[in-house]
Amino acid sequence: MQQEDIAKIYAEMIGQTFGELTVIRFDKSKKMFLCACACGAELWAMRQRLLNSVVTRCRSCRDAEAYRESLRVDWRQIAHYPPADRRALLQAYAQHLAACLKCGTRATAFERFVREFTADPLAFVPIAEESFDERFAKATCQQYPQYKRPVVAA
């Protein structure tokens, strides 16, 4: 290919959108494109990675999406639980998410929460004398209130 053809190809990519990235300019010395993400961040990306959809957004957007995805309930992980235990687990996870939202901290991924719930079922026995809000009011952001699980008769 001629230099003019290559320059024309690179010039045509400016302004194109790949996922959430918009190409701003090409840097000949780096042989990369400067792209702007929808969130406002800028990053450098190679042409092939843009064309093959390997890079479609910035790292912070990608990490935020992965975090949101980790919080989603995966029913396959709890399908083997009896209905009462599933209900208790989901209620405890909802309380955990609410507590993290109030504190402004990152919540535990659902998969890990299920593992912890399974590993220590006695930690999820309800405390009748205090409501969740009363326990949360006493707790600091570093100390989460205990989410309790009822004991199910076999």
C-alpha atoms as a PDB file:
ATOM      1  CA  MET A   1       0.000   0.000   0.000  1.00  0.00           C
ATOM      2  CA  GLN A   2       1.064   3.537  -0.652  1.00  0.00           C
ATOM      3  CA  GLN A   3       1.575   6.039   2.147  1.00  0.00           C
ATOM      4  CA  GLU A   4      -1.343   8.094   0.828  1.00  0.00           C
ATOM      5  CA  ASP A   5      -3.670   5.083   1.021  1.00  0.00           C
ATOM      6  CA  ILE A   6      -2.645   4.347   4.619  1.00  0.00           C
ATOM      7  CA  ALA A   7      -3.096   7.991   5.604  1.00  0.00           C
ATOM      8  CA  LYS A   8      -6.533   7.982   3.957  1.00  0.00           C
ATOM      9  CA  ILE A   9      -7.584   4.830   5.867  1.00  0.00           C
ATOM     10  CA  TYR A  10      -6.471   6.353   9.161  1.00  0.00           C
ATOM     11  CA  ALA A  11      -8.142   9.678   8.371  1.00  0.00           C
ATOM     12  CA  GLU A  12     -11.424   7.903   7.604  1.00  0.00           C
ATOM     13  CA  MET A  13     -11.431   6.315  11.075  1.00  0.00           C
ATOM     14  CA  ILE A  14     -11.446   9.699  12.815  1.00  0.00           C
ATOM     15  CA  GLY A  15     -14.957  10.383  14.085  1.00  0.00           C
ATOM     16  CA  GLN A  16     -16.053   6.739  13.870  1.00  0.00           C
ATOM     17  CA  THR A  17     -17.553   5.077  16.925  1.00  0.00           C
ATOM     18  CA  PHE A  18     -16.552   1.624  18.159  1.00  0.00           C
ATOM     19  CA  GLY A  19     -18.776   0.550  21.024  1.00  0.00           C
ATOM     20  CA  GLU A  20     -18.600   3.469  23.475  1.00  0.00           C
ATOM     21  CA  LEU A  21     -15.365   4.854  21.981  1.00  0.00           C
ATOM     22  CA  THR A  22     -15.155   7.649  19.452  1.00  0.00           C
ATOM     23  CA  VAL A  23     -11.890   8.071  17.535  1.00  0.00           C
ATOM     24  CA  ILE A  24     -10.462  11.577  17.981  1.00  0.00           C
ATOM     25  CA  ARG A  25      -7.102  11.488  16.204  1.00  0.00           C
ATOM     26  CA  PHE A  26      -4.225   9.305  15.033  1.00  0.00           C
ATOM     27  CA  ASP A  27      -0.687   9.611  16.366  1.00  0.00           C
ATOM     28  CA  LYS A  28       1.916   8.478  13.797  1.00  0.00           C
ATOM     29  CA  SER A  29       4.703   8.127  16.358  1.00  0.00           C
ATOM     30  CA  LYS A  30       2.640   5.797  18.582  1.00  0.00           C
ATOM     31  CA  LYS A  31       0.778   4.247  15.638  1.00  0.00           C
ATOM     32  CA  MET A  32      -2.358   4.402  17.775  1.00  0.00           C
ATOM     33  CA  PHE A  33      -5.659   6.248  17.862  1.00  0.00           C
ATOM     34  CA  LEU A  34      -6.717   8.556  20.666  1.00  0.00           C
ATOM     35  CA  CYS A  35     -10.303   7.676  21.567  1.00  0.00           C
ATOM     36  CA  ALA A  36     -12.883   9.285  23.849  1.00  0.00           C
ATOM     37  CA  CYS A  37     -15.125   7.038  25.905  1.00  0.00           C
ATOM     38  CA  ALA A  38     -18.791   7.913  26.502  1.00  0.00           C
ATOM     39  CA  CYS A  39     -17.902   8.610  30.162  1.00  0.00           C
ATOM     40  CA  GLY A  40     -15.382  11.284  29.102  1.00  0.00           C
ATOM     41  CA  ALA A  41     -12.168   9.306  29.623  1.00  0.00           C
ATOM     42  CA  GLU A  42      -9.564   9.161  26.867  1.00  0.00           C
ATOM     43  CA  LEU A  43      -7.424   6.199  25.889  1.00  0.00           C
ATOM     44  CA  TRP A  44      -5.054   5.063  23.177  1.00  0.00           C
ATOM     45  CA  ALA A  45      -6.032   2.049  21.064  1.00  0.00           C
ATOM     46  CA  MET A  46      -4.599   0.211  18.090  1.00  0.00           C
ATOM     47  CA  ARG A  47      -6.556   0.081  14.833  1.00  0.00           C
ATOM     48  CA  GLN A  48      -7.019  -3.711  14.774  1.00  0.00           C
ATOM     49  CA  ARG A  49      -8.245  -3.785  18.355  1.00  0.00           C
ATOM     50  CA  LEU A  50     -10.892  -1.194  17.486  1.00  0.00           C
ATOM     51  CA  LEU A  51     -11.944  -2.927  14.268  1.00  0.00           C
ATOM     52  CA  ASN A  52     -12.139  -6.369  15.935  1.00  0.00           C
ATOM     53  CA  SER A  53     -14.157  -4.957  18.879  1.00  0.00           C
ATOM     54  CA  VAL A  54     -11.484  -5.968  21.378  1.00  0.00           C
ATOM     55  CA  VAL A  55     -11.548  -2.441  22.809  1.00  0.00           C
ATOM     56  CA  THR A  56     -15.044  -0.954  23.057  1.00  0.00           C
ATOM     57  CA  ARG A  57     -14.849   1.199  26.224  1.00  0.00           C
ATOM     58  CA  CYS A  58     -12.399   2.497  28.800  1.00  0.00           C
ATOM     59  CA  ARG A  59     -11.152   0.416  31.720  1.00  0.00           C
ATOM     60  CA  SER A  60     -13.298   2.171  34.321  1.00  0.00           C
ATOM     61  CA  CYS A  61     -16.488   1.563  32.290  1.00  0.00           C
ATOM     62  CA  ARG A  62     -15.471  -2.061  31.732  1.00  0.00           C
ATOM     63  CA  ASP A  63     -14.738  -2.561  35.450  1.00  0.00           C
ATOM     64  CA  ALA A  64     -17.992  -0.870  36.470  1.00  0.00           C
ATOM     65  CA  GLU A  65     -19.965  -3.177  34.172  1.00  0.00           C
ATOM     66  CA  ALA A  66     -18.154  -6.249  35.521  1.00  0.00           C
ATOM     67  CA  TYR A  67     -18.926  -5.125  39.077  1.00  0.00           C
ATOM     68  CA  ARG A  68     -22.624  -4.593  38.277  1.00  0.00           C
ATOM     69  CA  GLU A  69     -22.691  -8.010  36.601  1.00  0.00           C
ATOM     70  CA  SER A  70     -21.137  -9.645  39.703  1.00  0.00           C
ATOM     71  CA  LEU A  71     -24.011  -8.334  41.841  1.00  0.00           C
ATOM     72  CA  ARG A  72     -26.701  -9.954  39.706  1.00  0.00           C
ATOM     73  CA  VAL A  73     -28.443 -12.952  41.208  1.00  0.00           C
ATOM     74  CA  ASP A  74     -27.529 -16.191  39.437  1.00  0.00           C
ATOM     75  CA  TRP A  75     -30.398 -18.572  40.103  1.00  0.00           C
ATOM     76  CA  ARG A  76     -28.331 -21.592  39.045  1.00  0.00           C
ATOM     77  CA  GLN A  77     -26.117 -21.110  42.111  1.00  0.00           C
ATOM     78  CA  ILE A  78     -29.016 -21.431  44.527  1.00  0.00           C
ATOM     79  CA  ALA A  79     -31.342 -23.806  42.657  1.00  0.00           C
ATOM     80  CA  HIS A  80     -30.393 -26.739  44.913  1.00  0.00           C
ATOM     81  CA  TYR A  81     -31.420 -24.886  48.108  1.00  0.00           C
ATOM     82  CA  PRO A  82     -34.849 -25.553  49.629  1.00  0.00           C
ATOM     83  CA  PRO A  83     -37.291 -22.672  48.953  1.00  0.00           C
ATOM     84  CA  ALA A  84     -37.113 -21.359  52.542  1.00  0.00           C
ATOM     85  CA  ASP A  85     -33.290 -21.193  52.384  1.00  0.00           C
ATOM     86  CA  ARG A  86     -33.381 -19.498  48.968  1.00  0.00           C
ATOM     87  CA  ARG A  87     -35.764 -16.905  50.328  1.00  0.00           C
ATOM     88  CA  ALA A  88     -33.547 -16.342  53.386  1.00  0.00           C
ATOM     89  CA  LEU A  89     -30.417 -16.045  51.230  1.00  0.00           C
ATOM     90  CA  LEU A  90     -32.020 -13.553  48.861  1.00  0.00           C
ATOM     91  CA  GLN A  91     -33.369 -11.518  51.767  1.00  0.00           C
ATOM     92  CA  ALA A  92     -29.937 -11.485  53.416  1.00  0.00           C
ATOM     93  CA  TYR A  93     -28.293 -10.445  50.130  1.00  0.00           C
ATOM     94  CA  ALA A  94     -30.831  -7.650  49.651  1.00  0.00           C
ATOM     95  CA  GLN A  95     -30.031  -6.402  53.155  1.00  0.00           C
ATOM     96  CA  HIS A  96     -26.307  -6.627  52.397  1.00  0.00           C
ATOM     97  CA  LEU A  97     -26.756  -4.544  49.237  1.00  0.00           C
ATOM     98  CA  ALA A  98     -28.801  -1.953  51.135  1.00  0.00           C
ATOM     99  CA  ALA A  99     -26.160  -1.750  53.889  1.00  0.00           C
ATOM    100  CA  CYS A 100     -23.373  -1.269  51.346  1.00  0.00           C
ATOM    101  CA  LEU A 101     -25.374   1.407  49.572  1.00  0.00           C
ATOM    102  CA  LYS A 102     -25.907   3.298  52.837  1.00  0.00           C
ATOM    103  CA  CYS A 103     -22.205   3.042  53.719  1.00  0.00           C
ATOM    104  CA  GLY A 104     -20.999   3.847  50.222  1.00  0.00           C
ATOM    105  CA  THR A 105     -18.859   0.699  50.064  1.00  0.00           C
ATOM    106  CA  ARG A 106     -18.639  -1.979  47.402  1.00  0.00           C
ATOM    107  CA  ALA A 107     -20.966  -4.917  47.925  1.00  0.00           C
ATOM    108  CA  THR A 108     -19.861  -8.538  47.896  1.00  0.00           C
ATOM    109  CA  ALA A 109     -20.406 -10.344  44.595  1.00  0.00           C
ATOM    110  CA  PHE A 110     -23.398 -12.684  44.668  1.00  0.00           C
ATOM    111  CA  GLU A 111     -21.256 -15.768  43.994  1.00  0.00           C
ATOM    112  CA  ARG A 112     -19.028 -15.014  46.987  1.00  0.00           C
ATOM    113  CA  PHE A 113     -22.021 -14.189  49.173  1.00  0.00           C
ATOM    114  CA  VAL A 114     -23.533 -17.608  48.361  1.00  0.00           C
ATOM    115  CA  ARG A 115     -20.209 -19.333  49.214  1.00  0.00           C
ATOM    116  CA  GLU A 116     -20.051 -17.535  52.577  1.00  0.00           C
ATOM    117  CA  PHE A 117     -23.716 -18.282  53.238  1.00  0.00           C
ATOM    118  CA  THR A 118     -23.126 -21.975  52.492  1.00  0.00           C
ATOM    119  CA  ALA A 119     -19.903 -22.179  54.509  1.00  0.00           C
ATOM    120  CA  ASP A 120     -21.386 -20.699  57.696  1.00  0.00           C
ATOM    121  CA  PRO A 121     -25.152 -21.289  57.788  1.00  0.00           C
ATOM    122  CA  LEU A 122     -25.375 -20.595  61.519  1.00  0.00           C
ATOM    123  CA  ALA A 123     -24.248 -17.002  60.955  1.00  0.00           C
ATOM    124  CA  PHE A 124     -27.576 -16.350  59.234  1.00  0.00           C
ATOM    125  CA  VAL A 125     -29.954 -17.081  62.159  1.00  0.00           C
ATOM    126  CA  PRO A 126     -32.266 -14.095  62.773  1.00  0.00           C
ATOM    127  CA  ILE A 127     -31.964 -11.875  65.837  1.00  0.00           C
ATOM    128  CA  ALA A 128     -35.578 -11.354  66.930  1.00  0.00           C
ATOM    129  CA  GLU A 129     -35.016  -8.483  69.345  1.00  0.00           C
ATOM    130  CA  GLU A 130     -33.509  -6.053  66.763  1.00  0.00           C
ATOM    131  CA  SER A 131     -34.618  -5.060  63.312  1.00  0.00           C
ATOM    132  CA  PHE A 132     -32.153  -4.682  60.467  1.00  0.00           C
ATOM    133  CA  ASP A 133     -32.299  -0.885  60.705  1.00  0.00           C
ATOM    134  CA  GLU A 134     -31.584  -0.982  64.447  1.00  0.00           C
ATOM    135  CA  ARG A 135     -28.557  -3.231  63.908  1.00  0.00           C
ATOM    136  CA  PHE A 136     -27.370  -1.072  61.025  1.00  0.00           C
ATOM    137  CA  ALA A 137     -27.670   2.092  63.117  1.00  0.00           C
ATOM    138  CA  LYS A 138     -25.292   0.553  65.682  1.00  0.00           C
ATOM    139  CA  ALA A 139     -22.829  -0.737  63.094  1.00  0.00           C
ATOM    140  CA  THR A 140     -20.066   1.265  61.488  1.00  0.00           C
ATOM    141  CA  CYS A 141     -19.342   0.986  57.789  1.00  0.00           C
ATOM    142  CA  GLN A 142     -16.522  -1.449  58.584  1.00  0.00           C
ATOM    143  CA  GLN A 143     -18.781  -3.683  60.713  1.00  0.00           C
ATOM    144  CA  TYR A 144     -21.705  -5.039  58.793  1.00  0.00           C
ATOM    145  CA  PRO A 145     -24.673  -6.244  60.798  1.00  0.00           C
ATOM    146  CA  GLN A 146     -24.995  -9.987  60.817  1.00  0.00           C
ATOM    147  CA  TYR A 147     -27.435 -11.333  58.276  1.00  0.00           C
ATOM    148  CA  LYS A 148     -29.028 -14.348  59.830  1.00  0.00           C
ATOM    149  CA  ARG A 149     -30.562 -17.459  58.293  1.00  0.00           C
ATOM    150  CA  PRO A 150     -33.364 -19.462  59.886  1.00  0.00           C
ATOM    151  CA  VAL A 151     -32.622 -23.048  60.791  1.00  0.00           C
ATOM    152  CA  VAL A 152     -34.666 -25.336  58.534  1.00  0.00           C
ATOM    153  CA  ALA A 153     -35.798 -28.673  59.963  1.00  0.00           C
ATOM    154  CA  ALA A 154     -34.743 -31.654  57.881  1.00  0.00           C
END
